[in-house]
N, C-alpha and C. Protein backbone atom coordinates (compact mmCIF):
# COMPACT_ATOMS: atom_id res chain seq x y z
N MET A 1 0.85 -1.16 0.00
CA MET A 1 0.00 0.00 0.00
C MET A 1 0.90 1.23 0.00
N ARG A 2 0.51 2.22 -0.81
CA ARG A 2 1.28 3.47 -0.87
C ARG A 2 0.33 4.65 -0.75
N ILE A 3 0.84 5.73 -0.20
CA ILE A 3 0.02 6.92 0.02
C ILE A 3 0.68 8.13 -0.63
N GLY A 4 -0.14 9.04 -1.10
CA GLY A 4 0.34 10.30 -1.64
C GLY A 4 -0.56 11.41 -1.15
N THR A 5 0.03 12.56 -0.88
CA THR A 5 -0.77 13.70 -0.42
C THR A 5 -0.23 14.97 -1.05
N ASP A 6 -1.10 15.96 -1.21
CA ASP A 6 -0.67 17.23 -1.78
C ASP A 6 -1.61 18.33 -1.29
N ILE A 7 -1.06 19.51 -1.18
CA ILE A 7 -1.84 20.68 -0.75
C ILE A 7 -1.60 21.81 -1.75
N VAL A 8 -2.65 22.56 -2.07
CA VAL A 8 -2.59 23.63 -3.06
C VAL A 8 -3.22 24.89 -2.47
N ASN A 9 -2.58 26.02 -2.71
CA ASN A 9 -3.13 27.30 -2.31
C ASN A 9 -4.20 27.71 -3.33
N ILE A 10 -5.44 27.83 -2.88
CA ILE A 10 -6.57 28.10 -3.77
C ILE A 10 -6.45 29.44 -4.49
N PRO A 11 -6.16 30.57 -3.80
CA PRO A 11 -6.03 31.83 -4.52
C PRO A 11 -4.91 31.80 -5.57
N ARG A 12 -3.84 31.12 -5.26
CA ARG A 12 -2.74 31.01 -6.22
C ARG A 12 -3.17 30.24 -7.47
N MET A 13 -3.95 29.17 -7.29
CA MET A 13 -4.48 28.42 -8.43
C MET A 13 -5.39 29.32 -9.26
N GLY A 14 -6.26 30.06 -8.60
CA GLY A 14 -7.16 30.97 -9.30
C GLY A 14 -6.41 32.01 -10.11
N GLN A 15 -5.35 32.56 -9.53
CA GLN A 15 -4.53 33.55 -10.23
C GLN A 15 -3.83 32.94 -11.44
N ALA A 16 -3.30 31.74 -11.27
CA ALA A 16 -2.61 31.06 -12.38
C ALA A 16 -3.58 30.79 -13.53
N LEU A 17 -4.78 30.35 -13.21
CA LEU A 17 -5.77 30.07 -14.25
C LEU A 17 -6.21 31.35 -14.95
N ALA A 18 -6.32 32.44 -14.22
CA ALA A 18 -6.72 33.73 -14.80
C ALA A 18 -5.61 34.29 -15.70
N ARG A 19 -4.35 34.13 -15.31
CA ARG A 19 -3.22 34.64 -16.09
C ARG A 19 -2.97 33.86 -17.37
N ARG A 20 -3.24 32.56 -17.31
CA ARG A 20 -2.93 31.69 -18.45
C ARG A 20 -4.20 30.96 -18.89
N PRO A 21 -4.93 31.53 -19.83
CA PRO A 21 -6.21 30.96 -20.24
C PRO A 21 -6.16 29.49 -20.71
N GLY A 22 -5.07 29.05 -21.27
CA GLY A 22 -4.97 27.67 -21.73
C GLY A 22 -4.57 26.68 -20.65
N LEU A 23 -4.26 27.17 -19.46
CA LEU A 23 -3.77 26.29 -18.40
C LEU A 23 -4.80 25.25 -17.97
N ALA A 24 -6.04 25.65 -17.83
CA ALA A 24 -7.08 24.71 -17.39
C ALA A 24 -7.21 23.56 -18.38
N ALA A 25 -7.15 23.85 -19.68
CA ALA A 25 -7.27 22.79 -20.69
C ALA A 25 -6.06 21.87 -20.67
N ARG A 26 -4.90 22.39 -20.26
CA ARG A 26 -3.70 21.55 -20.19
C ARG A 26 -3.71 20.64 -18.97
N LEU A 27 -4.23 21.14 -17.85
CA LEU A 27 -4.17 20.41 -16.59
C LEU A 27 -5.37 19.50 -16.33
N PHE A 28 -6.53 19.88 -16.87
CA PHE A 28 -7.77 19.20 -16.50
C PHE A 28 -8.51 18.67 -17.72
N THR A 29 -9.19 17.56 -17.53
CA THR A 29 -9.99 16.98 -18.61
C THR A 29 -11.22 17.86 -18.85
N ALA A 30 -11.87 17.64 -19.98
CA ALA A 30 -13.08 18.41 -20.30
C ALA A 30 -14.14 18.22 -19.22
N GLU A 31 -14.29 17.00 -18.72
CA GLU A 31 -15.27 16.72 -17.67
C GLU A 31 -14.93 17.47 -16.38
N GLU A 32 -13.66 17.49 -16.01
CA GLU A 32 -13.24 18.22 -14.81
C GLU A 32 -13.51 19.71 -14.98
N ARG A 33 -13.19 20.24 -16.14
CA ARG A 33 -13.42 21.67 -16.38
C ARG A 33 -14.91 22.01 -16.31
N ARG A 34 -15.74 21.17 -16.92
CA ARG A 34 -17.20 21.40 -16.85
C ARG A 34 -17.67 21.44 -15.40
N TYR A 35 -17.23 20.47 -14.62
CA TYR A 35 -17.65 20.40 -13.22
C TYR A 35 -17.19 21.65 -12.46
N CYS A 36 -15.90 21.96 -12.54
CA CYS A 36 -15.35 23.08 -11.77
C CYS A 36 -15.96 24.42 -12.19
N GLU A 37 -16.12 24.61 -13.49
CA GLU A 37 -16.66 25.87 -13.99
C GLU A 37 -18.14 26.04 -13.65
N SER A 38 -18.82 24.97 -13.28
CA SER A 38 -20.22 25.07 -12.89
C SER A 38 -20.39 25.51 -11.44
N LYS A 39 -19.29 25.60 -10.72
CA LYS A 39 -19.33 25.95 -9.29
C LYS A 39 -19.05 27.44 -9.09
N ARG A 40 -19.63 27.98 -8.02
CA ARG A 40 -19.45 29.41 -7.71
C ARG A 40 -17.97 29.76 -7.54
N ASP A 41 -17.24 28.99 -6.74
CA ASP A 41 -15.81 29.22 -6.53
C ASP A 41 -15.03 28.16 -7.30
N SER A 42 -14.91 28.35 -8.60
CA SER A 42 -14.28 27.33 -9.45
C SER A 42 -12.82 27.09 -9.06
N ALA A 43 -12.12 28.13 -8.59
CA ALA A 43 -10.70 27.96 -8.22
C ALA A 43 -10.54 26.91 -7.13
N GLN A 44 -11.47 26.89 -6.19
CA GLN A 44 -11.43 25.90 -5.10
C GLN A 44 -11.52 24.49 -5.65
N HIS A 45 -12.38 24.27 -6.62
CA HIS A 45 -12.59 22.94 -7.19
C HIS A 45 -11.44 22.54 -8.12
N PHE A 46 -10.91 23.50 -8.86
CA PHE A 46 -9.72 23.22 -9.67
C PHE A 46 -8.53 22.88 -8.77
N ALA A 47 -8.36 23.65 -7.70
CA ALA A 47 -7.22 23.44 -6.80
C ALA A 47 -7.25 22.05 -6.16
N VAL A 48 -8.42 21.62 -5.71
CA VAL A 48 -8.48 20.31 -5.05
C VAL A 48 -8.25 19.19 -6.06
N ARG A 49 -8.67 19.37 -7.30
CA ARG A 49 -8.42 18.37 -8.33
C ARG A 49 -6.94 18.32 -8.71
N PHE A 50 -6.31 19.49 -8.74
CA PHE A 50 -4.87 19.52 -9.01
C PHE A 50 -4.12 18.80 -7.89
N ALA A 51 -4.49 19.08 -6.64
CA ALA A 51 -3.87 18.38 -5.50
C ALA A 51 -4.09 16.88 -5.62
N ALA A 52 -5.28 16.48 -6.05
CA ALA A 52 -5.59 15.05 -6.19
C ALA A 52 -4.70 14.40 -7.25
N LYS A 53 -4.51 15.07 -8.37
CA LYS A 53 -3.65 14.51 -9.43
C LYS A 53 -2.22 14.32 -8.92
N GLU A 54 -1.74 15.31 -8.18
CA GLU A 54 -0.40 15.20 -7.59
C GLU A 54 -0.34 14.06 -6.58
N ALA A 55 -1.36 13.94 -5.75
CA ALA A 55 -1.40 12.88 -4.73
C ALA A 55 -1.42 11.51 -5.38
N VAL A 56 -2.17 11.36 -6.47
CA VAL A 56 -2.23 10.08 -7.19
C VAL A 56 -0.85 9.74 -7.75
N ALA A 57 -0.18 10.71 -8.36
CA ALA A 57 1.16 10.46 -8.90
C ALA A 57 2.12 10.04 -7.79
N LYS A 58 2.04 10.68 -6.65
CA LYS A 58 2.90 10.33 -5.52
C LYS A 58 2.59 8.92 -5.02
N ALA A 59 1.32 8.57 -4.95
CA ALA A 59 0.94 7.23 -4.49
C ALA A 59 1.43 6.16 -5.46
N LEU A 60 1.42 6.47 -6.75
CA LEU A 60 1.90 5.51 -7.76
C LEU A 60 3.42 5.54 -7.90
N GLY A 61 4.04 6.59 -7.39
CA GLY A 61 5.50 6.69 -7.46
C GLY A 61 6.02 7.03 -8.84
N LYS A 62 5.19 7.68 -9.66
CA LYS A 62 5.58 8.00 -11.05
C LYS A 62 5.06 9.37 -11.44
N SER A 63 5.79 10.02 -12.34
CA SER A 63 5.26 11.24 -12.96
C SER A 63 4.20 10.83 -13.96
N LEU A 64 3.12 11.58 -14.01
CA LEU A 64 2.02 11.26 -14.92
C LEU A 64 1.66 12.49 -15.74
N ARG A 65 1.06 12.25 -16.88
CA ARG A 65 0.52 13.36 -17.66
C ARG A 65 -0.79 13.79 -17.01
N TRP A 66 -1.03 15.09 -16.99
CA TRP A 66 -2.21 15.62 -16.30
C TRP A 66 -3.51 15.01 -16.79
N GLN A 67 -3.64 14.82 -18.08
CA GLN A 67 -4.89 14.32 -18.65
C GLN A 67 -5.11 12.83 -18.38
N GLU A 68 -4.09 12.14 -17.88
CA GLU A 68 -4.22 10.71 -17.60
C GLU A 68 -4.91 10.41 -16.27
N VAL A 69 -5.06 11.43 -15.47
CA VAL A 69 -5.72 11.28 -14.17
C VAL A 69 -6.93 12.21 -14.14
N GLU A 70 -8.10 11.65 -13.93
CA GLU A 70 -9.31 12.45 -13.85
C GLU A 70 -9.99 12.20 -12.52
N ILE A 71 -10.45 13.27 -11.90
CA ILE A 71 -11.16 13.16 -10.63
C ILE A 71 -12.64 13.46 -10.91
N ARG A 72 -13.47 12.49 -10.60
CA ARG A 72 -14.93 12.63 -10.80
C ARG A 72 -15.64 12.40 -9.48
N ARG A 73 -16.86 12.87 -9.42
CA ARG A 73 -17.71 12.61 -8.26
C ARG A 73 -18.77 11.59 -8.68
N THR A 74 -19.01 10.63 -7.81
CA THR A 74 -20.07 9.66 -8.08
C THR A 74 -21.41 10.34 -7.83
N ALA A 75 -22.49 9.66 -8.16
CA ALA A 75 -23.84 10.19 -7.93
C ALA A 75 -24.03 10.53 -6.45
N GLY A 76 -23.36 9.79 -5.57
CA GLY A 76 -23.46 10.05 -4.13
C GLY A 76 -22.51 11.13 -3.64
N GLY A 77 -21.73 11.72 -4.55
CA GLY A 77 -20.82 12.79 -4.19
C GLY A 77 -19.43 12.35 -3.77
N VAL A 78 -19.17 11.05 -3.80
CA VAL A 78 -17.85 10.53 -3.41
C VAL A 78 -16.87 10.71 -4.57
N PRO A 79 -15.69 11.27 -4.32
CA PRO A 79 -14.72 11.42 -5.42
C PRO A 79 -14.12 10.07 -5.80
N ARG A 80 -13.85 9.92 -7.08
CA ARG A 80 -13.15 8.71 -7.53
C ARG A 80 -12.15 9.08 -8.60
N VAL A 81 -11.16 8.23 -8.76
CA VAL A 81 -10.06 8.45 -9.69
C VAL A 81 -10.29 7.62 -10.94
N ILE A 82 -10.17 8.26 -12.08
CA ILE A 82 -10.19 7.57 -13.37
C ILE A 82 -8.77 7.67 -13.94
N LEU A 83 -8.16 6.54 -14.21
CA LEU A 83 -6.80 6.52 -14.78
C LEU A 83 -6.87 6.10 -16.23
N ARG A 84 -6.04 6.74 -17.06
CA ARG A 84 -6.00 6.42 -18.49
C ARG A 84 -4.54 6.23 -18.93
N ASN A 85 -4.40 5.53 -20.05
CA ASN A 85 -3.11 5.36 -20.73
C ASN A 85 -2.03 4.83 -19.78
N SER A 86 -0.89 5.53 -19.70
CA SER A 86 0.22 4.99 -18.90
C SER A 86 -0.13 4.93 -17.41
N ALA A 87 -0.93 5.86 -16.93
CA ALA A 87 -1.34 5.82 -15.51
C ALA A 87 -2.13 4.55 -15.22
N GLU A 88 -3.01 4.19 -16.14
CA GLU A 88 -3.80 2.97 -15.97
C GLU A 88 -2.90 1.73 -15.98
N LYS A 89 -1.89 1.74 -16.84
CA LYS A 89 -0.96 0.61 -16.91
C LYS A 89 -0.13 0.50 -15.64
N ILE A 90 0.32 1.62 -15.10
CA ILE A 90 1.11 1.62 -13.87
C ILE A 90 0.30 1.04 -12.71
N ALA A 91 -0.97 1.38 -12.65
CA ALA A 91 -1.82 0.95 -11.54
C ALA A 91 -2.54 -0.36 -11.81
N ALA A 92 -2.27 -1.00 -12.93
CA ALA A 92 -3.01 -2.19 -13.35
C ALA A 92 -3.20 -3.18 -12.21
N GLY A 93 -4.45 -3.52 -11.98
CA GLY A 93 -4.77 -4.52 -10.97
C GLY A 93 -4.85 -3.99 -9.56
N GLY A 94 -4.41 -2.75 -9.36
CA GLY A 94 -4.44 -2.17 -8.02
C GLY A 94 -5.70 -1.36 -7.81
N ARG A 95 -5.85 -0.84 -6.62
CA ARG A 95 -7.02 -0.06 -6.26
C ARG A 95 -6.59 1.31 -5.73
N MET A 96 -7.23 2.38 -6.23
CA MET A 96 -6.89 3.74 -5.82
C MET A 96 -8.09 4.36 -5.12
N GLU A 97 -7.86 4.92 -3.96
CA GLU A 97 -8.88 5.66 -3.23
C GLU A 97 -8.38 7.09 -3.06
N ILE A 98 -9.31 8.04 -3.03
CA ILE A 98 -8.93 9.45 -2.92
C ILE A 98 -9.84 10.16 -1.93
N SER A 99 -9.28 11.09 -1.19
CA SER A 99 -10.05 11.94 -0.29
C SER A 99 -9.67 13.38 -0.58
N LEU A 100 -10.68 14.25 -0.70
CA LEU A 100 -10.46 15.65 -1.03
C LEU A 100 -11.05 16.53 0.06
N SER A 101 -10.39 17.66 0.31
CA SER A 101 -10.93 18.61 1.28
C SER A 101 -10.40 20.00 0.95
N HIS A 102 -11.16 21.01 1.34
CA HIS A 102 -10.69 22.38 1.21
C HIS A 102 -11.25 23.21 2.34
N SER A 103 -10.43 24.16 2.79
CA SER A 103 -10.83 25.04 3.88
C SER A 103 -10.00 26.31 3.76
N GLY A 104 -10.68 27.44 3.82
CA GLY A 104 -9.95 28.71 3.71
C GLY A 104 -9.22 28.80 2.39
N ASP A 105 -7.93 29.05 2.46
CA ASP A 105 -7.11 29.23 1.25
C ASP A 105 -6.49 27.95 0.73
N TYR A 106 -6.79 26.80 1.33
CA TYR A 106 -6.08 25.58 0.95
C TYR A 106 -6.99 24.43 0.56
N ALA A 107 -6.51 23.67 -0.40
CA ALA A 107 -7.17 22.44 -0.84
C ALA A 107 -6.16 21.31 -0.64
N ILE A 108 -6.62 20.18 -0.15
CA ILE A 108 -5.73 19.05 0.11
C ILE A 108 -6.35 17.77 -0.43
N ALA A 109 -5.48 16.87 -0.85
CA ALA A 109 -5.94 15.56 -1.32
C ALA A 109 -5.01 14.49 -0.79
N CYS A 110 -5.60 13.35 -0.51
CA CYS A 110 -4.84 12.19 -0.06
C CYS A 110 -5.26 11.00 -0.93
N ALA A 111 -4.28 10.34 -1.53
CA ALA A 111 -4.54 9.16 -2.36
C ALA A 111 -3.89 7.95 -1.73
N ILE A 112 -4.61 6.86 -1.75
CA ILE A 112 -4.07 5.58 -1.26
C ILE A 112 -4.17 4.59 -2.40
N TYR A 113 -3.02 3.99 -2.72
CA TYR A 113 -2.96 2.98 -3.77
C TYR A 113 -2.66 1.64 -3.13
N GLU A 114 -3.55 0.69 -3.35
CA GLU A 114 -3.35 -0.66 -2.85
C GLU A 114 -2.88 -1.51 -4.03
N GLU A 115 -1.65 -1.98 -3.92
CA GLU A 115 -1.07 -2.78 -5.00
C GLU A 115 -1.82 -4.11 -5.12
N PRO A 116 -1.83 -4.64 -6.34
CA PRO A 116 -2.51 -5.93 -6.52
C PRO A 116 -1.81 -7.05 -5.76
N VAL A 117 -2.60 -7.99 -5.30
CA VAL A 117 -2.05 -9.15 -4.60
C VAL A 117 -1.50 -10.10 -5.66
N VAL A 118 -0.25 -10.48 -5.48
CA VAL A 118 0.41 -11.38 -6.44
C VAL A 118 0.40 -12.80 -5.87
N GLY A 119 0.04 -13.73 -6.74
CA GLY A 119 0.13 -15.13 -6.36
C GLY A 119 -1.04 -15.61 -5.63
């Protein structure tokens, strides 16, 4: 089992997205952008998803492309990780859990990767 965690300053994320209009498309999937942009404080939701992507990469122990990790909410509101391409191959057979939180100026994410049982 491996764990990854990351924290992001929400105002700083908001400023970065405002300064660089193409940044959101580079860092987040179309589904993530739709979700975040539908919220009153979109920077908060972008920041926690960015923290989640970093936490997932740390839990897997590999650098990943931003678009290979997507954070979605289930119908019940529970966040889940969708892995694609090389990220999916790295995690093959394992299980990834994610927890997201934000308060004040900070967003934090914790990812736990349970490696597949061999043999």
